[in-house]
């Protein structure tokens, strides 16, 4: 597993992600393996994150959509 934390572009259809554009590459999302959401502590920013663990054409990625940062790639799995 590799921690990345970089901004990405995500193509969605009916609010369901189907493609990730990252580092000049385009990766089709084949399967959503898992999803969950988190919210920051009330005393800090009110950031909410919607995480997706996805299987793509280049491997398994953990991505999230943040109310503050937009779409981010969090981790790559070997």
PDB file of N, CA and C in Angstrom:
ATOM      1  N   UNK A   1       0.845  -1.171   0.000  1.00  0.00           N
ATOM      2  CA  UNK A   1       0.000   0.000   0.000  1.00  0.00           C
ATOM      3  C   UNK A   1       0.894   1.238   0.000  1.00  0.00           C
ATOM      4  N   UNK A   2       0.492   2.245  -0.790  1.00  0.00           N
ATOM      5  CA  UNK A   2       1.267   3.470  -0.904  1.00  0.00           C
ATOM      6  C   UNK A   2       0.361   4.671  -0.659  1.00  0.00           C
ATOM      7  N   UNK A   3       0.739   5.543   0.269  1.00  0.00           N
ATOM      8  CA  UNK A   3       0.000   6.766   0.548  1.00  0.00           C
ATOM      9  C   UNK A   3       0.320   7.780  -0.534  1.00  0.00           C
ATOM     10  N   UNK A   4      -0.716   8.398  -1.131  1.00  0.00           N
ATOM     11  CA  UNK A   4      -0.496   9.316  -2.245  1.00  0.00           C
ATOM     12  C   UNK A   4      -0.952  10.737  -1.917  1.00  0.00           C
ATOM     13  N   UNK A   5      -2.226  10.934  -1.587  1.00  0.00           N
ATOM     14  CA  UNK A   5      -2.824  12.242  -1.275  1.00  0.00           C
ATOM     15  C   UNK A   5      -2.563  13.295  -2.352  1.00  0.00           C
ATOM     16  N   UNK A   6      -3.118  13.042  -3.544  1.00  0.00           N
ATOM     17  CA  UNK A   6      -3.017  13.976  -4.663  1.00  0.00           C
ATOM     18  C   UNK A   6      -4.398  14.235  -5.247  1.00  0.00           C
ATOM     19  N   UNK A   7      -4.553  15.405  -5.809  1.00  0.00           N
ATOM     20  CA  UNK A   7      -5.793  15.789  -6.462  1.00  0.00           C
ATOM     21  C   UNK A   7      -5.976  14.984  -7.751  1.00  0.00           C
ATOM     22  N   UNK A   8      -7.225  14.600  -8.046  1.00  0.00           N
ATOM     23  CA  UNK A   8      -7.540  13.853  -9.262  1.00  0.00           C
ATOM     24  C   UNK A   8      -8.802  14.422  -9.888  1.00  0.00           C
ATOM     25  N   UNK A   9      -9.022  14.084 -11.145  1.00  0.00           N
ATOM     26  CA  UNK A   9     -10.284  14.372 -11.824  1.00  0.00           C
ATOM     27  C   UNK A   9     -11.045  13.065 -11.926  1.00  0.00           C
ATOM     28  N   UNK A  10     -12.345  13.137 -11.656  1.00  0.00           N
ATOM     29  CA  UNK A  10     -13.178  11.939 -11.684  1.00  0.00           C
ATOM     30  C   UNK A  10     -14.385  12.216 -12.569  1.00  0.00           C
ATOM     31  N   UNK A  11     -14.621  11.322 -13.513  1.00  0.00           N
ATOM     32  CA  UNK A  11     -15.812  11.418 -14.344  1.00  0.00           C
ATOM     33  C   UNK A  11     -16.939  10.646 -13.691  1.00  0.00           C
ATOM     34  N   UNK A  12     -18.096  11.295 -13.571  1.00  0.00           N
ATOM     35  CA  UNK A  12     -19.257  10.659 -12.932  1.00  0.00           C
ATOM     36  C   UNK A  12     -20.432  10.634 -13.903  1.00  0.00           C
ATOM     37  N   UNK A  13     -21.226   9.604 -13.765  1.00  0.00           N
ATOM     38  CA  UNK A  13     -22.472   9.499 -14.515  1.00  0.00           C
ATOM     39  C   UNK A  13     -23.555   9.185 -13.505  1.00  0.00           C
ATOM     40  N   UNK A  14     -24.548  10.061 -13.396  1.00  0.00           N
ATOM     41  CA  UNK A  14     -25.598   9.943 -12.376  1.00  0.00           C
ATOM     42  C   UNK A  14     -24.974   9.860 -10.985  1.00  0.00           C
ATOM     43  N   UNK A  15     -23.974  10.694 -10.734  1.00  0.00           N
ATOM     44  CA  UNK A  15     -23.199  10.792  -9.483  1.00  0.00           C
ATOM     45  C   UNK A  15     -22.467   9.504  -9.090  1.00  0.00           C
ATOM     46  N   UNK A  16     -22.249   8.622 -10.045  1.00  0.00           N
ATOM     47  CA  UNK A  16     -21.466   7.405  -9.812  1.00  0.00           C
ATOM     48  C   UNK A  16     -20.160   7.521 -10.611  1.00  0.00           C
ATOM     49  N   UNK A  17     -18.995   7.491  -9.930  1.00  0.00           N
ATOM     50  CA  UNK A  17     -17.718   7.610 -10.639  1.00  0.00           C
ATOM     51  C   UNK A  17     -17.474   6.428 -11.574  1.00  0.00           C
ATOM     52  N   UNK A  18     -16.954   6.727 -12.776  1.00  0.00           N
ATOM     53  CA  UNK A  18     -16.650   5.655 -13.718  1.00  0.00           C
ATOM     54  C   UNK A  18     -15.237   5.753 -14.289  1.00  0.00           C
ATOM     55  N   UNK A  19     -14.566   6.905 -14.128  1.00  0.00           N
ATOM     56  CA  UNK A  19     -13.211   7.057 -14.653  1.00  0.00           C
ATOM     57  C   UNK A  19     -12.418   8.020 -13.762  1.00  0.00           C
ATOM     58  N   UNK A  20     -11.116   7.730 -13.613  1.00  0.00           N
ATOM     59  CA  UNK A  20     -10.203   8.569 -12.835  1.00  0.00           C
ATOM     60  C   UNK A  20      -9.107   9.061 -13.773  1.00  0.00           C
ATOM     61  N   UNK A  21      -8.845  10.358 -13.753  1.00  0.00           N
ATOM     62  CA  UNK A  21      -7.735  10.943 -14.512  1.00  0.00           C
ATOM     63  C   UNK A  21      -6.712  11.433 -13.498  1.00  0.00           C
ATOM     64  N   UNK A  22      -5.501  10.864 -13.588  1.00  0.00           N
ATOM     65  CA  UNK A  22      -4.457  11.159 -12.606  1.00  0.00           C
ATOM     66  C   UNK A  22      -3.088  10.983 -13.246  1.00  0.00           C
ATOM     67  N   UNK A  23      -2.226  11.963 -13.058  1.00  0.00           N
ATOM     68  CA  UNK A  23      -0.856  11.925 -13.588  1.00  0.00           C
ATOM     69  C   UNK A  23      -0.813  11.554 -15.073  1.00  0.00           C
ATOM     70  N   UNK A  24      -1.567  12.241 -15.866  1.00  0.00           N
ATOM     71  CA  UNK A  24      -1.620  12.045 -17.329  1.00  0.00           C
ATOM     72  C   UNK A  24      -2.144  10.681 -17.753  1.00  0.00           C
ATOM     73  N   UNK A  25      -2.746   9.936 -16.839  1.00  0.00           N
ATOM     74  CA  UNK A  25      -3.321   8.637 -17.177  1.00  0.00           C
ATOM     75  C   UNK A  25      -4.825   8.643 -16.951  1.00  0.00           C
ATOM     76  N   UNK A  26      -5.522   7.761 -17.648  1.00  0.00           N
ATOM     77  CA  UNK A  26      -6.962   7.593 -17.485  1.00  0.00           C
ATOM     78  C   UNK A  26      -7.220   6.155 -17.070  1.00  0.00           C
ATOM     79  N   UNK A  27      -7.944   5.987 -15.952  1.00  0.00           N
ATOM     80  CA  UNK A  27      -8.171   4.659 -15.382  1.00  0.00           C
ATOM     81  C   UNK A  27      -9.665   4.419 -15.216  1.00  0.00           C
ATOM     82  N   UNK A  28     -10.174   3.416 -15.895  1.00  0.00           N
ATOM     83  CA  UNK A  28     -11.586   3.067 -15.787  1.00  0.00           C
ATOM     84  C   UNK A  28     -11.857   2.367 -14.468  1.00  0.00           C
ATOM     85  N   UNK A  29     -12.922   2.760 -13.809  1.00  0.00           N
ATOM     86  CA  UNK A  29     -13.333   2.091 -12.571  1.00  0.00           C
ATOM     87  C   UNK A  29     -14.141   0.859 -12.962  1.00  0.00           C
ATOM     88  N   UNK A  30     -13.635  -0.299 -12.573  1.00  0.00           N
ATOM     89  CA  UNK A  30     -14.282  -1.558 -12.913  1.00  0.00           C
ATOM     90  C   UNK A  30     -15.297  -1.970 -11.859  1.00  0.00           C
ATOM     91  N   UNK A  31     -14.936  -1.791 -10.582  1.00  0.00           N
ATOM     92  CA  UNK A  31     -15.801  -2.208  -9.477  1.00  0.00           C
ATOM     93  C   UNK A  31     -15.607  -1.293  -8.286  1.00  0.00           C
ATOM     94  N   UNK A  32     -16.700  -0.948  -7.609  1.00  0.00           N
ATOM     95  CA  UNK A  32     -16.600  -0.274  -6.315  1.00  0.00           C
ATOM     96  C   UNK A  32     -16.611  -1.381  -5.270  1.00  0.00           C
ATOM     97  N   UNK A  33     -15.488  -1.528  -4.573  1.00  0.00           N
ATOM     98  CA  UNK A  33     -15.325  -2.606  -3.597  1.00  0.00           C
ATOM     99  C   UNK A  33     -15.993  -2.259  -2.278  1.00  0.00           C
ATOM    100  N   UNK A  34     -15.853  -0.996  -1.857  1.00  0.00           N
ATOM    101  CA  UNK A  34     -16.405  -0.560  -0.573  1.00  0.00           C
ATOM    102  C   UNK A  34     -16.593   0.949  -0.611  1.00  0.00           C
ATOM    103  N   UNK A  35     -17.429   1.469   0.271  1.00  0.00           N
ATOM    104  CA  UNK A  35     -17.615   2.910   0.403  1.00  0.00           C
ATOM    105  C   UNK A  35     -17.937   3.240   1.858  1.00  0.00           C
ATOM    106  N   UNK A  36     -17.515   4.424   2.305  1.00  0.00           N
ATOM    107  CA  UNK A  36     -17.787   4.887   3.658  1.00  0.00           C
ATOM    108  C   UNK A  36     -17.617   6.398   3.693  1.00  0.00           C
ATOM    109  N   UNK A  37     -18.087   7.031   4.756  1.00  0.00           N
ATOM    110  CA  UNK A  37     -17.956   8.479   4.877  1.00  0.00           C
ATOM    111  C   UNK A  37     -17.413   8.840   6.253  1.00  0.00           C
ATOM    112  N   UNK A  38     -16.738   9.986   6.309  1.00  0.00           N
ATOM    113  CA  UNK A  38     -16.211  10.503   7.571  1.00  0.00           C
ATOM    114  C   UNK A  38     -16.516  11.992   7.645  1.00  0.00           C
ATOM    115  N   UNK A  39     -16.484  12.503   8.829  1.00  0.00           N
ATOM    116  CA  UNK A  39     -16.687  13.928   9.054  1.00  0.00           C
ATOM    117  C   UNK A  39     -15.635  14.391  10.036  1.00  0.00           C
ATOM    118  N   UNK A  40     -15.064  15.579   9.797  1.00  0.00           N
ATOM    119  CA  UNK A  40     -14.061  16.127  10.702  1.00  0.00           C
ATOM    120  C   UNK A  40     -14.663  16.489  12.049  1.00  0.00           C
ATOM    121  N   UNK A  41     -13.827  16.648  13.064  1.00  0.00           N
ATOM    122  CA  UNK A  41     -14.314  17.038  14.389  1.00  0.00           C
ATOM    123  C   UNK A  41     -15.015  18.392  14.338  1.00  0.00           C
ATOM    124  N   UNK A  42     -16.000  18.592  15.173  1.00  0.00           N
ATOM    125  CA  UNK A  42     -16.791  19.813  15.145  1.00  0.00           C
ATOM    126  C   UNK A  42     -15.960  21.063  15.434  1.00  0.00           C
ATOM    127  N   UNK A  43     -14.836  20.922  16.146  1.00  0.00           N
ATOM    128  CA  UNK A  43     -14.039  22.087  16.510  1.00  0.00           C
ATOM    129  C   UNK A  43     -13.062  22.510  15.399  1.00  0.00           C
ATOM    130  N   UNK A  44     -12.987  21.718  14.335  1.00  0.00           N
ATOM    131  CA  UNK A  44     -12.146  22.095  13.188  1.00  0.00           C
ATOM    132  C   UNK A  44     -13.056  22.388  12.007  1.00  0.00           C
ATOM    133  N   UNK A  45     -12.527  22.340  10.823  1.00  0.00           N
ATOM    134  CA  UNK A  45     -13.354  22.572   9.636  1.00  0.00           C
ATOM    135  C   UNK A  45     -14.439  21.499   9.557  1.00  0.00           C
ATOM    136  N   UNK A  46     -15.529  21.868   8.968  1.00  0.00           N
ATOM    137  CA  UNK A  46     -16.649  20.935   8.864  1.00  0.00           C
ATOM    138  C   UNK A  46     -16.538  20.093   7.593  1.00  0.00           C
ATOM    139  N   UNK A  47     -15.350  19.529   7.363  1.00  0.00           N
ATOM    140  CA  UNK A  47     -15.108  18.738   6.163  1.00  0.00           C
ATOM    141  C   UNK A  47     -15.792  17.380   6.260  1.00  0.00           C
ATOM    142  N   UNK A  48     -16.440  17.005   5.187  1.00  0.00           N
ATOM    143  CA  UNK A  48     -17.008  15.666   5.081  1.00  0.00           C
ATOM    144  C   UNK A  48     -16.352  14.982   3.896  1.00  0.00           C
ATOM    145  N   UNK A  49     -15.993  13.714   4.064  1.00  0.00           N
ATOM    146  CA  UNK A  49     -15.357  12.938   3.004  1.00  0.00           C
ATOM    147  C   UNK A  49     -16.176  11.690   2.709  1.00  0.00           C
ATOM    148  N   UNK A  50     -16.360  11.445   1.420  1.00  0.00           N
ATOM    149  CA  UNK A  50     -17.009  10.228   0.945  1.00  0.00           C
ATOM    150  C   UNK A  50     -15.926   9.376   0.277  1.00  0.00           C
ATOM    151  N   UNK A  51     -15.561   8.278   0.912  1.00  0.00           N
ATOM    152  CA  UNK A  51     -14.493   7.402   0.416  1.00  0.00           C
ATOM    153  C   UNK A  51     -15.053   6.294  -0.461  1.00  0.00           C
ATOM    154  N   UNK A  52     -14.240   5.901  -1.455  1.00  0.00           N
ATOM    155  CA  UNK A  52     -14.534   4.746  -2.294  1.00  0.00           C
ATOM    156  C   UNK A  52     -13.262   3.926  -2.445  1.00  0.00           C
ATOM    157  N   UNK A  53     -13.378   2.639  -2.262  1.00  0.00           N
ATOM    158  CA  UNK A  53     -12.297   1.707  -2.564  1.00  0.00           C
ATOM    159  C   UNK A  53     -12.691   1.077  -3.897  1.00  0.00           C
ATOM    160  N   UNK A  54     -11.888   1.348  -4.938  1.00  0.00           N
ATOM    161  CA  UNK A  54     -12.276   0.939  -6.289  1.00  0.00           C
ATOM    162  C   UNK A  54     -11.208   0.076  -6.941  1.00  0.00           C
ATOM    163  N   UNK A  55     -11.664  -0.829  -7.772  1.00  0.00           N
ATOM    164  CA  UNK A  55     -10.778  -1.617  -8.625  1.00  0.00           C
ATOM    165  C   UNK A  55     -10.760  -0.917  -9.977  1.00  0.00           C
ATOM    166  N   UNK A  56      -9.556  -0.585 -10.462  1.00  0.00           N
ATOM    167  CA  UNK A  56      -9.416   0.130 -11.722  1.00  0.00           C
ATOM    168  C   UNK A  56      -8.573  -0.684 -12.696  1.00  0.00           C
ATOM    169  N   UNK A  57      -8.390  -0.124 -13.874  1.00  0.00           N
ATOM    170  CA  UNK A  57      -7.581  -0.784 -14.893  1.00  0.00           C
ATOM    171  C   UNK A  57      -6.107  -0.864 -14.514  1.00  0.00           C
ATOM    172  N   UNK A  58      -5.679  -0.143 -13.463  1.00  0.00           N
ATOM    173  CA  UNK A  58      -4.267  -0.232 -13.034  1.00  0.00           C
ATOM    174  C   UNK A  58      -4.116  -0.800 -11.630  1.00  0.00           C
ATOM    175  N   UNK A  59      -5.194  -1.217 -10.981  1.00  0.00           N
ATOM    176  CA  UNK A  59      -5.119  -1.784  -9.642  1.00  0.00           C
ATOM    177  C   UNK A  59      -6.179  -1.195  -8.729  1.00  0.00           C
ATOM    178  N   UNK A  60      -6.016  -1.420  -7.433  1.00  0.00           N
ATOM    179  CA  UNK A  60      -6.985  -0.962  -6.440  1.00  0.00           C
ATOM    180  C   UNK A  60      -6.551   0.400  -5.902  1.00  0.00           C
ATOM    181  N   UNK A  61      -7.509   1.335  -5.863  1.00  0.00           N
ATOM    182  CA  UNK A  61      -7.262   2.690  -5.377  1.00  0.00           C
ATOM    183  C   UNK A  61      -8.295   3.064  -4.320  1.00  0.00           C
ATOM    184  N   UNK A  62      -7.845   3.841  -3.351  1.00  0.00           N
ATOM    185  CA  UNK A  62      -8.755   4.446  -2.393  1.00  0.00           C
ATOM    186  C   UNK A  62      -8.853   5.920  -2.765  1.00  0.00           C
ATOM    187  N   UNK A  63     -10.052   6.367  -3.119  1.00  0.00           N
ATOM    188  CA  UNK A  63     -10.264   7.761  -3.489  1.00  0.00           C
ATOM    189  C   UNK A  63     -11.323   8.348  -2.562  1.00  0.00           C
ATOM    190  N   UNK A  64     -11.370   9.673  -2.497  1.00  0.00           N
ATOM    191  CA  UNK A  64     -12.447  10.290  -1.733  1.00  0.00           C
ATOM    192  C   UNK A  64     -12.827  11.633  -2.337  1.00  0.00           C
ATOM    193  N   UNK A  65     -14.062  12.039  -2.035  1.00  0.00           N
ATOM    194  CA  UNK A  65     -14.529  13.366  -2.405  1.00  0.00           C
ATOM    195  C   UNK A  65     -14.719  14.142  -1.112  1.00  0.00           C
ATOM    196  N   UNK A  66     -14.065  15.290  -1.046  1.00  0.00           N
ATOM    197  CA  UNK A  66     -14.093  16.139   0.131  1.00  0.00           C
ATOM    198  C   UNK A  66     -14.913  17.388  -0.164  1.00  0.00           C
ATOM    199  N   UNK A  67     -15.671  17.851   0.817  1.00  0.00           N
ATOM    200  CA  UNK A  67     -16.421  19.087   0.647  1.00  0.00           C
ATOM    201  C   UNK A  67     -15.494  20.292   0.569  1.00  0.00           C
ATOM    202  N   UNK A  68     -14.228  20.130   0.954  1.00  0.00           N
ATOM    203  CA  UNK A  68     -13.251  21.219   0.913  1.00  0.00           C
ATOM    204  C   UNK A  68     -12.259  21.038  -0.229  1.00  0.00           C
ATOM    205  N   UNK A  69     -11.728  19.834  -0.409  1.00  0.00           N
ATOM    206  CA  UNK A  69     -10.650  19.588  -1.372  1.00  0.00           C
ATOM    207  C   UNK A  69     -11.105  19.072  -2.732  1.00  0.00           C
ATOM    208  N   UNK A  70     -12.312  18.615  -2.873  1.00  0.00           N
ATOM    209  CA  UNK A  70     -12.764  17.977  -4.115  1.00  0.00           C
ATOM    210  C   UNK A  70     -12.308  16.522  -4.147  1.00  0.00           C
ATOM    211  N   UNK A  71     -12.064  15.984  -5.347  1.00  0.00           N
ATOM    212  CA  UNK A  71     -11.653  14.587  -5.495  1.00  0.00           C
ATOM    213  C   UNK A  71     -10.162  14.428  -5.236  1.00  0.00           C
ATOM    214  N   UNK A  72      -9.811  13.418  -4.443  1.00  0.00           N
ATOM    215  CA  UNK A  72      -8.422  13.117  -4.093  1.00  0.00           C
ATOM    216  C   UNK A  72      -8.193  11.612  -4.188  1.00  0.00           C
ATOM    217  N   UNK A  73      -6.956  11.235  -4.525  1.00  0.00           N
ATOM    218  CA  UNK A  73      -6.569   9.841  -4.407  1.00  0.00           C
ATOM    219  C   UNK A  73      -5.811   9.722  -3.093  1.00  0.00           C
ATOM    220  N   UNK A  74      -6.212   8.788  -2.288  1.00  0.00           N
ATOM    221  CA  UNK A  74      -5.628   8.624  -0.954  1.00  0.00           C
ATOM    222  C   UNK A  74      -4.539   7.558  -0.938  1.00  0.00           C
ATOM    223  N   UNK A  75      -4.866   6.360  -1.450  1.00  0.00           N
ATOM    224  CA  UNK A  75      -3.913   5.244  -1.391  1.00  0.00           C
ATOM    225  C   UNK A  75      -3.982   4.387  -2.650  1.00  0.00           C
ATOM    226  N   UNK A  76      -2.850   3.777  -2.964  1.00  0.00           N
ATOM    227  CA  UNK A  76      -2.758   2.761  -4.003  1.00  0.00           C
ATOM    228  C   UNK A  76      -2.392   1.447  -3.344  1.00  0.00           C
ATOM    229  N   UNK A  77      -3.032   0.384  -3.739  1.00  0.00           N
ATOM    230  CA  UNK A  77      -2.750  -0.929  -3.180  1.00  0.00           C
ATOM    231  C   UNK A  77      -1.989  -1.771  -4.193  1.00  0.00           C
ATOM    232  N   UNK A  78      -0.987  -2.489  -3.725  1.00  0.00           N
ATOM    233  CA  UNK A  78      -0.176  -3.343  -4.604  1.00  0.00           C
ATOM    234  C   UNK A  78      -0.916  -4.622  -4.938  1.00  0.00           C
TER     235      UNK A  78
END
